Amino acid sequence: MQETKEIFCNQCGKKLKVENDILKEDAFEAKKQWGYFSQKDAVLHSFVLCEECYDEMISRFAIPVEITEVTEL
């Protein structure tokens, strides 16, 4: 029997809804592999933000995110 993976928002700790290993609410997922010229050479960082925490984060940007309407999902 396969165990379902739990996913949490790294900012607020909210448990995101997962059914049959499928995320049932949208979230922002980021991965960054750091390379040369950083203090984090050869380290991979990853995190998940719920939609509310994502909106809060981008509201503090000096330059707004670029938003493009997508017609096909």
PDB file of N, CA and C in Angstrom:
ATOM      1  N   MET A   1       0.852  -1.186   0.000  1.00  0.00           N
ATOM      2  CA  MET A   1       0.000   0.000   0.000  1.00  0.00           C
ATOM      3  C   MET A   1       0.890   1.239   0.000  1.00  0.00           C
ATOM      4  N   GLN A   2       0.647   2.138  -0.957  1.00  0.00           N
ATOM      5  CA  GLN A   2       1.456   3.351  -1.091  1.00  0.00           C
ATOM      6  C   GLN A   2       0.911   4.432  -0.161  1.00  0.00           C
ATOM      7  N   GLU A   3       1.814   5.095   0.533  1.00  0.00           N
ATOM      8  CA  GLU A   3       1.425   6.152   1.448  1.00  0.00           C
ATOM      9  C   GLU A   3       1.330   7.470   0.698  1.00  0.00           C
ATOM     10  N   THR A   4       0.258   8.240   0.933  1.00  0.00           N
ATOM     11  CA  THR A   4       0.073   9.525   0.289  1.00  0.00           C
ATOM     12  C   THR A   4       1.006  10.549   0.924  1.00  0.00           C
ATOM     13  N   LYS A   5       1.718  11.290   0.074  1.00  0.00           N
ATOM     14  CA  LYS A   5       2.642  12.312   0.540  1.00  0.00           C
ATOM     15  C   LYS A   5       1.859  13.540   0.971  1.00  0.00           C
ATOM     16  N   GLU A   6       2.217  14.095   2.120  1.00  0.00           N
ATOM     17  CA  GLU A   6       1.597  15.328   2.587  1.00  0.00           C
ATOM     18  C   GLU A   6       2.426  16.509   2.093  1.00  0.00           C
ATOM     19  N   ILE A   7       1.734  17.580   1.695  1.00  0.00           N
ATOM     20  CA  ILE A   7       2.401  18.787   1.213  1.00  0.00           C
ATOM     21  C   ILE A   7       1.920  19.955   2.054  1.00  0.00           C
ATOM     22  N   PHE A   8       2.865  20.764   2.518  1.00  0.00           N
ATOM     23  CA  PHE A   8       2.559  21.904   3.365  1.00  0.00           C
ATOM     24  C   PHE A   8       3.124  23.172   2.753  1.00  0.00           C
ATOM     25  N   CYS A   9       2.447  24.299   2.982  1.00  0.00           N
ATOM     26  CA  CYS A   9       2.971  25.605   2.592  1.00  0.00           C
ATOM     27  C   CYS A   9       4.152  25.914   3.500  1.00  0.00           C
ATOM     28  N   ASN A  10       5.290  26.228   2.898  1.00  0.00           N
ATOM     29  CA  ASN A  10       6.475  26.529   3.696  1.00  0.00           C
ATOM     30  C   ASN A  10       6.338  27.833   4.485  1.00  0.00           C
ATOM     31  N   GLN A  11       5.483  28.747   4.050  1.00  0.00           N
ATOM     32  CA  GLN A  11       5.338  30.037   4.733  1.00  0.00           C
ATOM     33  C   GLN A  11       4.425  29.935   5.952  1.00  0.00           C
ATOM     34  N   CYS A  12       3.185  29.468   5.749  1.00  0.00           N
ATOM     35  CA  CYS A  12       2.205  29.481   6.844  1.00  0.00           C
ATOM     36  C   CYS A  12       2.002  28.112   7.489  1.00  0.00           C
ATOM     37  N   GLY A  13       2.487  27.050   6.846  1.00  0.00           N
ATOM     38  CA  GLY A  13       2.345  25.711   7.395  1.00  0.00           C
ATOM     39  C   GLY A  13       1.047  25.007   7.057  1.00  0.00           C
ATOM     40  N   LYS A  14       0.183  25.654   6.255  1.00  0.00           N
ATOM     41  CA  LYS A  14      -1.101  25.055   5.887  1.00  0.00           C
ATOM     42  C   LYS A  14      -0.874  23.736   5.145  1.00  0.00           C
ATOM     43  N   LYS A  15      -1.652  22.716   5.538  1.00  0.00           N
ATOM     44  CA  LYS A  15      -1.602  21.432   4.842  1.00  0.00           C
ATOM     45  C   LYS A  15      -2.445  21.551   3.579  1.00  0.00           C
ATOM     46  N   LEU A  16      -1.829  21.280   2.437  1.00  0.00           N
ATOM     47  CA  LEU A  16      -2.529  21.392   1.169  1.00  0.00           C
ATOM     48  C   LEU A  16      -3.260  20.096   0.863  1.00  0.00           C
ATOM     49  N   LYS A  17      -4.375  20.214   0.162  1.00  0.00           N
ATOM     50  CA  LYS A  17      -5.233  19.060  -0.113  1.00  0.00           C
ATOM     51  C   LYS A  17      -4.606  18.184  -1.192  1.00  0.00           C
ATOM     52  N   VAL A  18      -4.356  16.918  -0.845  1.00  0.00           N
ATOM     53  CA  VAL A  18      -3.788  15.939  -1.767  1.00  0.00           C
ATOM     54  C   VAL A  18      -4.688  14.704  -1.767  1.00  0.00           C
ATOM     55  N   GLU A  19      -5.055  14.239  -2.971  1.00  0.00           N
ATOM     56  CA  GLU A  19      -5.823  13.004  -3.113  1.00  0.00           C
ATOM     57  C   GLU A  19      -5.132  12.128  -4.141  1.00  0.00           C
ATOM     58  N   ASN A  20      -4.863  10.888  -3.783  1.00  0.00           N
ATOM     59  CA  ASN A  20      -4.187   9.940  -4.679  1.00  0.00           C
ATOM     60  C   ASN A  20      -2.897  10.530  -5.251  1.00  0.00           C
ATOM     61  N   ASP A  21      -2.137  11.175  -4.391  1.00  0.00           N
ATOM     62  CA  ASP A  21      -0.865  11.806  -4.754  1.00  0.00           C
ATOM     63  C   ASP A  21      -1.007  12.927  -5.780  1.00  0.00           C
ATOM     64  N   ILE A  22      -2.210  13.494  -5.900  1.00  0.00           N
ATOM     65  CA  ILE A  22      -2.444  14.631  -6.792  1.00  0.00           C
ATOM     66  C   ILE A  22      -2.814  15.837  -5.940  1.00  0.00           C
ATOM     67  N   LEU A  23      -2.098  16.932  -6.125  1.00  0.00           N
ATOM     68  CA  LEU A  23      -2.380  18.166  -5.403  1.00  0.00           C
ATOM     69  C   LEU A  23      -3.705  18.719  -5.912  1.00  0.00           C
ATOM     70  N   LYS A  24      -4.700  18.831  -5.035  1.00  0.00           N
ATOM     71  CA  LYS A  24      -6.049  19.227  -5.415  1.00  0.00           C
ATOM     72  C   LYS A  24      -6.339  20.700  -5.173  1.00  0.00           C
ATOM     73  N   GLU A  25      -5.329  21.478  -4.843  1.00  0.00           N
ATOM     74  CA  GLU A  25      -5.453  22.929  -4.801  1.00  0.00           C
ATOM     75  C   GLU A  25      -4.134  23.480  -5.326  1.00  0.00           C
ATOM     76  N   ASP A  26      -4.224  24.539  -6.087  1.00  0.00           N
ATOM     77  CA  ASP A  26      -3.019  25.016  -6.742  1.00  0.00           C
ATOM     78  C   ASP A  26      -2.075  25.659  -5.745  1.00  0.00           C
ATOM     79  N   ALA A  27      -0.803  25.559  -6.028  1.00  0.00           N
ATOM     80  CA  ALA A  27       0.224  26.116  -5.164  1.00  0.00           C
ATOM     81  C   ALA A  27       1.416  26.526  -6.026  1.00  0.00           C
ATOM     82  N   PHE A  28       2.228  27.407  -5.504  1.00  0.00           N
ATOM     83  CA  PHE A  28       3.444  27.838  -6.182  1.00  0.00           C
ATOM     84  C   PHE A  28       4.576  26.939  -5.713  1.00  0.00           C
ATOM     85  N   GLU A  29       5.231  26.262  -6.658  1.00  0.00           N
ATOM     86  CA  GLU A  29       6.332  25.371  -6.332  1.00  0.00           C
ATOM     87  C   GLU A  29       7.602  25.927  -6.959  1.00  0.00           C
ATOM     88  N   ALA A  30       8.639  26.084  -6.159  1.00  0.00           N
ATOM     89  CA  ALA A  30       9.893  26.645  -6.655  1.00  0.00           C
ATOM     90  C   ALA A  30      11.056  25.717  -6.332  1.00  0.00           C
ATOM     91  N   LYS A  31      11.995  25.630  -7.276  1.00  0.00           N
ATOM     92  CA  LYS A  31      13.241  24.888  -7.085  1.00  0.00           C
ATOM     93  C   LYS A  31      14.366  25.731  -7.664  1.00  0.00           C
ATOM     94  N   LYS A  32      15.447  25.845  -6.920  1.00  0.00           N
ATOM     95  CA  LYS A  32      16.608  26.596  -7.378  1.00  0.00           C
ATOM     96  C   LYS A  32      17.867  25.826  -7.017  1.00  0.00           C
ATOM     97  N   GLN A  33      18.609  25.427  -8.047  1.00  0.00           N
ATOM     98  CA  GLN A  33      19.911  24.808  -7.814  1.00  0.00           C
ATOM     99  C   GLN A  33      20.953  25.913  -7.905  1.00  0.00           C
ATOM    100  N   TRP A  34      21.586  26.176  -6.791  1.00  0.00           N
ATOM    101  CA  TRP A  34      22.570  27.251  -6.729  1.00  0.00           C
ATOM    102  C   TRP A  34      23.874  26.798  -7.377  1.00  0.00           C
ATOM    103  N   GLY A  35      24.528  27.729  -8.035  1.00  0.00           N
ATOM    104  CA  GLY A  35      25.771  27.417  -8.724  1.00  0.00           C
ATOM    105  C   GLY A  35      26.894  28.329  -8.279  1.00  0.00           C
ATOM    106  N   TYR A  36      27.862  28.449  -9.141  1.00  0.00           N
ATOM    107  CA  TYR A  36      29.007  29.301  -8.856  1.00  0.00           C
ATOM    108  C   TYR A  36      28.550  30.742  -8.646  1.00  0.00           C
ATOM    109  N   PHE A  37      29.382  31.508  -7.997  1.00  0.00           N
ATOM    110  CA  PHE A  37      29.142  32.929  -7.721  1.00  0.00           C
ATOM    111  C   PHE A  37      28.028  33.146  -6.701  1.00  0.00           C
ATOM    112  N   SER A  38      27.731  32.139  -5.907  1.00  0.00           N
ATOM    113  CA  SER A  38      26.773  32.285  -4.804  1.00  0.00           C
ATOM    114  C   SER A  38      27.418  31.709  -3.549  1.00  0.00           C
ATOM    115  N   GLN A  39      26.784  31.932  -2.440  1.00  0.00           N
ATOM    116  CA  GLN A  39      27.249  31.352  -1.176  1.00  0.00           C
ATOM    117  C   GLN A  39      26.627  29.966  -0.944  1.00  0.00           C
ATOM    118  N   LYS A  40      25.913  29.467  -1.935  1.00  0.00           N
ATOM    119  CA  LYS A  40      25.203  28.198  -1.799  1.00  0.00           C
ATOM    120  C   LYS A  40      25.587  27.232  -2.916  1.00  0.00           C
ATOM    121  N   ASP A  41      26.815  27.240  -3.353  1.00  0.00           N
ATOM    122  CA  ASP A  41      27.260  26.388  -4.463  1.00  0.00           C
ATOM    123  C   ASP A  41      26.827  24.936  -4.258  1.00  0.00           C
ATOM    124  N   ALA A  42      26.250  24.348  -5.313  1.00  0.00           N
ATOM    125  CA  ALA A  42      25.880  22.929  -5.356  1.00  0.00           C
ATOM    126  C   ALA A  42      24.815  22.551  -4.325  1.00  0.00           C
ATOM    127  N   VAL A  43      23.921  23.498  -4.004  1.00  0.00           N
ATOM    128  CA  VAL A  43      22.828  23.231  -3.073  1.00  0.00           C
ATOM    129  C   VAL A  43      21.508  23.480  -3.807  1.00  0.00           C
ATOM    130  N   LEU A  44      20.538  22.591  -3.606  1.00  0.00           N
ATOM    131  CA  LEU A  44      19.216  22.738  -4.201  1.00  0.00           C
ATOM    132  C   LEU A  44      18.239  23.186  -3.122  1.00  0.00           C
ATOM    133  N   HIS A  45      17.564  24.293  -3.350  1.00  0.00           N
ATOM    134  CA  HIS A  45      16.511  24.775  -2.456  1.00  0.00           C
ATOM    135  C   HIS A  45      15.173  24.546  -3.149  1.00  0.00           C
ATOM    136  N   SER A  46      14.162  24.113  -2.413  1.00  0.00           N
ATOM    137  CA  SER A  46      12.817  23.980  -2.967  1.00  0.00           C
ATOM    138  C   SER A  46      11.808  24.324  -1.880  1.00  0.00           C
ATOM    139  N   PHE A  47      10.688  24.886  -2.325  1.00  0.00           N
ATOM    140  CA  PHE A  47       9.625  25.226  -1.374  1.00  0.00           C
ATOM    141  C   PHE A  47       8.300  25.316  -2.101  1.00  0.00           C
ATOM    142  N   VAL A  48       7.214  25.283  -1.305  1.00  0.00           N
ATOM    143  CA  VAL A  48       5.845  25.375  -1.809  1.00  0.00           C
ATOM    144  C   VAL A  48       5.158  26.493  -1.039  1.00  0.00           C
ATOM    145  N   LEU A  49       4.397  27.317  -1.764  1.00  0.00           N
ATOM    146  CA  LEU A  49       3.584  28.352  -1.129  1.00  0.00           C
ATOM    147  C   LEU A  49       2.133  28.158  -1.538  1.00  0.00           C
ATOM    148  N   CYS A  50       1.216  28.251  -0.568  1.00  0.00           N
ATOM    149  CA  CYS A  50      -0.205  28.252  -0.910  1.00  0.00           C
ATOM    150  C   CYS A  50      -0.497  29.555  -1.663  1.00  0.00           C
ATOM    151  N   GLU A  51      -1.649  29.630  -2.296  1.00  0.00           N
ATOM    152  CA  GLU A  51      -1.965  30.807  -3.114  1.00  0.00           C
ATOM    153  C   GLU A  51      -1.985  32.085  -2.278  1.00  0.00           C
ATOM    154  N   GLU A  52      -2.486  32.020  -1.065  1.00  0.00           N
ATOM    155  CA  GLU A  52      -2.546  33.204  -0.212  1.00  0.00           C
ATOM    156  C   GLU A  52      -1.141  33.720   0.125  1.00  0.00           C
ATOM    157  N   CYS A  53      -0.224  32.824   0.460  1.00  0.00           N
ATOM    158  CA  CYS A  53       1.147  33.232   0.792  1.00  0.00           C
ATOM    159  C   CYS A  53       1.888  33.733  -0.440  1.00  0.00           C
ATOM    160  N   TYR A  54       1.604  33.134  -1.597  1.00  0.00           N
ATOM    161  CA  TYR A  54       2.194  33.618  -2.851  1.00  0.00           C
ATOM    162  C   TYR A  54       1.744  35.053  -3.107  1.00  0.00           C
ATOM    163  N   ASP A  55       0.429  35.315  -2.979  1.00  0.00           N
ATOM    164  CA  ASP A  55      -0.092  36.669  -3.198  1.00  0.00           C
ATOM    165  C   ASP A  55       0.545  37.662  -2.235  1.00  0.00           C
ATOM    166  N   GLU A  56       0.712  37.256  -0.979  1.00  0.00           N
ATOM    167  CA  GLU A  56       1.351  38.124   0.018  1.00  0.00           C
ATOM    168  C   GLU A  56       2.804  38.417  -0.368  1.00  0.00           C
ATOM    169  N   MET A  57       3.527  37.389  -0.817  1.00  0.00           N
ATOM    170  CA  MET A  57       4.934  37.560  -1.189  1.00  0.00           C
ATOM    171  C   MET A  57       5.079  38.527  -2.360  1.00  0.00           C
ATOM    172  N   ILE A  58       4.296  38.318  -3.426  1.00  0.00           N
ATOM    173  CA  ILE A  58       4.474  39.167  -4.607  1.00  0.00           C
ATOM    174  C   ILE A  58       3.959  40.584  -4.381  1.00  0.00           C
ATOM    175  N   SER A  59       3.105  40.787  -3.396  1.00  0.00           N
ATOM    176  CA  SER A  59       2.608  42.139  -3.115  1.00  0.00           C
ATOM    177  C   SER A  59       3.724  43.044  -2.596  1.00  0.00           C
ATOM    178  N   ARG A  60       4.818  42.454  -2.126  1.00  0.00           N
ATOM    179  CA  ARG A  60       5.947  43.235  -1.597  1.00  0.00           C
ATOM    180  C   ARG A  60       7.028  43.491  -2.650  1.00  0.00           C
ATOM    181  N   PHE A  61       6.881  42.971  -3.866  1.00  0.00           N
ATOM    182  CA  PHE A  61       7.885  43.157  -4.908  1.00  0.00           C
ATOM    183  C   PHE A  61       7.934  44.620  -5.339  1.00  0.00           C
ATOM    184  N   ALA A  62       9.130  45.138  -5.548  1.00  0.00           N
ATOM    185  CA  ALA A  62       9.299  46.494  -6.072  1.00  0.00           C
ATOM    186  C   ALA A  62       8.865  46.551  -7.533  1.00  0.00           C
ATOM    187  N   ILE A  63       9.128  45.494  -8.275  1.00  0.00           N
ATOM    188  CA  ILE A  63       8.720  45.378  -9.676  1.00  0.00           C
ATOM    189  C   ILE A  63       7.695  44.253  -9.735  1.00  0.00           C
ATOM    190  N   PRO A  64       6.467  44.549 -10.163  1.00  0.00           N
ATOM    191  CA  PRO A  64       5.414  43.522 -10.170  1.00  0.00           C
ATOM    192  C   PRO A  64       5.764  42.337 -11.065  1.00  0.00           C
ATOM    193  N   VAL A  65       5.186  41.184 -10.745  1.00  0.00           N
ATOM    194  CA  VAL A  65       5.368  40.007 -11.589  1.00  0.00           C
ATOM    195  C   VAL A  65       4.713  40.269 -12.938  1.00  0.00           C
ATOM    196  N   GLU A  66       5.241  39.629 -13.960  1.00  0.00           N
ATOM    197  CA  GLU A  66       4.639  39.715 -15.288  1.00  0.00           C
ATOM    198  C   GLU A  66       3.524  38.686 -15.364  1.00  0.00           C
ATOM    199  N   ILE A  67       2.335  39.136 -15.728  1.00  0.00           N
ATOM    200  CA  ILE A  67       1.176  38.254 -15.792  1.00  0.00           C
ATOM    201  C   ILE A  67       0.721  38.156 -17.244  1.00  0.00           C
ATOM    202  N   THR A  68       0.592  36.928 -17.727  1.00  0.00           N
ATOM    203  CA  THR A  68       0.157  36.669 -19.090  1.00  0.00           C
ATOM    204  C   THR A  68      -1.059  35.754 -19.045  1.00  0.00           C
ATOM    205  N   GLU A  69      -2.105  36.124 -19.743  1.00  0.00           N
ATOM    206  CA  GLU A  69      -3.310  35.299 -19.809  1.00  0.00           C
ATOM    207  C   GLU A  69      -3.021  34.043 -20.640  1.00  0.00           C
ATOM    208  N   VAL A  70      -3.391  32.886 -20.120  1.00  0.00           N
ATOM    209  CA  VAL A  70      -3.199  31.607 -20.811  1.00  0.00           C
ATOM    210  C   VAL A  70      -4.568  31.111 -21.254  1.00  0.00           C
ATOM    211  N   THR A  71      -4.676  30.726 -22.519  1.00  0.00           N
ATOM    212  CA  THR A  71      -5.980  30.297 -23.035  1.00  0.00           C
ATOM    213  C   THR A  71      -6.195  28.789 -22.992  1.00  0.00           C
ATOM    214  N   GLU A  72      -5.114  28.006 -22.876  1.00  0.00           N
ATOM    215  CA  GLU A  72      -5.239  26.553 -22.791  1.00  0.00           C
ATOM    216  C   GLU A  72      -4.522  26.051 -21.542  1.00  0.00           C
ATOM    217  N   LEU A  73      -5.176  25.163 -20.801  1.00  0.00           N
ATOM    218  CA  LEU A  73      -4.569  24.611 -19.587  1.00  0.00           C
ATOM    219  C   LEU A  73      -4.131  23.196 -19.808  1.00  0.00           C
TER     220      LEU A  73
END
